[in-house]
Amino acid sequence: MSRHRRPRSRPSLASSFPLLMLAALCALLAASHVPGAAASQGDRSPEYQQCVESCVKDQCSSNPNWDDGMAATTHLPFILRATGWTCQDDCRYHCTHRVTNDANDRVKRIREEAEEAVRVLAEAAEQDGSQGRGGMSRAAQVAKVEELVQSRLAQLRPVQKQMVQYHGKWVFIRVLGAQEPLSVLFSLLNLRVHALAVMRLRAELPELFPLKVIYVLHALVSCNAWIWSAIFHARDKPWTERLDYFSAGAAVLSGCFFSLCRLFRWGPSHPRFTLLARTCGVALFLHILYLSIGRFDYSYNMTANILVGALHSVLWLVYSFNPAVFAARPAGNVRPLSRRIDDRPPNQIGGGGSPPMPVISPGMAAPTSRAARRKLQLIIGLLVLATSLELFDFPPIMRALDAHALWHLATVPIASLWYDWLVEDARECVSSGWWAGEGLRDPALDVAPHVAVAIERARQYAVQTTQSGHAVGVQLVNRLAALRTNSEREVEKAKELHVRSGSGVV
C-alpha cells in the first residue's frame, strides 16, 4: 500500500519578512560596536600634519611680512568668514584634498611604471622566446601588471594610496562654505517634509483623536532635528555636532513614545501615558548629560539610537502582521465614542434615524485594514533598508555623494509616506469608534451645549415663521420641541458622565 507523502510547505516571502527585518536590525546594532579602523588615520598621518603646519605658518601668520617662500599670506573670502571658517580650518580643508590628490597621483604613477615594466618584459620575452611562441600573452601581461601594482601598494600606508577619513569625515568639496553640500540639501528636504507635516497634522487629524497634539509635537521635534542636521553638515564644529546628535536622539525617542501610546492606546488621561512621558524625559536628560561630560562616546550614542529605533520598528512590524497582539491591552479610563453615541435617540428631522456608530469593545484590535497594514510593512522595510546604508560606507563619489548623504535622501519619501499612514490610521481609529472617547469627555470639546443653543435659535425662527402664516412652521416647531427635549437630556447625561469619569467611576 503506497503512502502519499505530504509535501512540505515552503516559507513564503510574507512569513519570512519579519525575520529579514529583525536580522537587518540586529546587523545595524552589531555594526554600531565595530570601531572604524580608518576613522582618524588621515589626520594622524605625517603628510597631513606637515601640510597643515606649513599652511598655517604661511597663511595664518599675524605678521604680514612673514613668507617662507612657499605661499603668501591671504585673507578668506566673505562667504567662508560668514559661515564660520577660520584660516586654520581652511588649511585643514586644502590639506585633506592635497594629501588625497598626492595619493591618487602616486597610485597612477605606480600603475604606469608597472605597465611600462611589463611592456619591456614582454618585448624581451618575444625576442628571446622565453615565453614560448608569440611571447607573453595579453592576459599574462595584465596579470603581471596587477601583481606589480599590488606588491608596490602593499608597501604603502592607506593615506599614501587611497582616500581616508580626516577627523572622522571623508574628503568633500565644499560649496558656499558648506562642508557636505549634498547632505545639507537633503537635510533641508527632510525639514520641508516635516514642516509640511506639522500643518497637515493640525488640519487633517481628527479633533477627537487623543494623540493629535503628541503627533504635532513629534513633527516639531523632527523639524528641530533636521535643522541641526543641516547646520552640522554645513559646518562641523563640536557644538553643532552635539546639538545634531542630541536633537536626533530626541526625535527618535519621541517617535518611540507616540508609537507606544498609539499601539497600547494610552491617552493623555491614562496613568501610563504620564509615566511613559516622564520616563522618556528622564532618559533623554541622562543621555544628554552622559554625552556632555568628558569625551563624546560615539559608540554609545549610535547604540542607544539604534536600540530605540529598533524598538519603534519592531513594535510597528508586529502590529502590521498581528494587531491582535495589542488588543488585550485595556484603554484605561477612556471609553470608546460608540458607548455614548449608541444611547442617543434618533434624529427625527427628516423622518429617519441616524445609524449608530459600530460598537467597539476595548479588548478588540484596532480596525486597521489589510491594505493599510501592507503599506505599514512597506514603510518599515524601506526605513530599515535606508538605515542600512550606514553599514555600507564608502568614499564619496566625485567627493560629493557618500552613503550618509544617500541615507538622508532616502528618508525624504519615507517620511512623507509615514505621515500619510499616520493620518489615515488616526481617522480610522476615530471613525470606527475604536479610540475617540477621550475628547468628548473634555468639557471644552463637548458639542451638546452648542447643539442646544443652535436648536433654540432654530425654534425661535420657526415660531416667527409660524406667526407669519407659513404652515410648514407648525410642523417644524413640533419637531424642534421634541429634539430640544432630547438634547437637554443629552447635555445632562454628558455632565453626569464627566463627573463620574473624574471620580474614577466607569
Foldseek 3Di string as FASTA:
>chain_A
DDDDDDDDDDDDPVNCLLVVLVVLLVVLLVVLPDDDPQQAVQVVDPQLVVQLVVQCQAAVDPDQPDDPPPHHHDDDDPLQVVLPDDSSNVSSLVSLVVLQVQQQVVLVVQLVVLLVVLVVVQVVCCVVVPCHHPGDDPVRSVVSSVVSSVVVVVVDDCSNHHWTHHNRHTRFDADSQFRFVLQLVLLVLQLVLLVVLLVCLVVQFDPLQQCSVLVNVLSVLSNQLSVLSNSCRGPPDPVSVLSNLLSLQVSLLSLLLVLVCVLLQEGPVRPVNVVSVVVSVVVSVVVSVVCVPDDGDSSVSSSVSSVSNVSSLSSLLVCLVPQLVSLQRANHLFAFPQVLQVPAFAQPVPNDGDDGADDDDSSDGQPDDNVLSVLSSVLSVLLSVLVCLVVVWDRADVSHHTSSSSSSNSVSVSSNSVSVSVSVSSVSCNRNRNGRRPQCLDVVNPCLVVVLVVLVVVLVVLVVVVVVPDPVSVVVNVSSVVVNVSSVVSVVVSVVVSVCSVVVHD
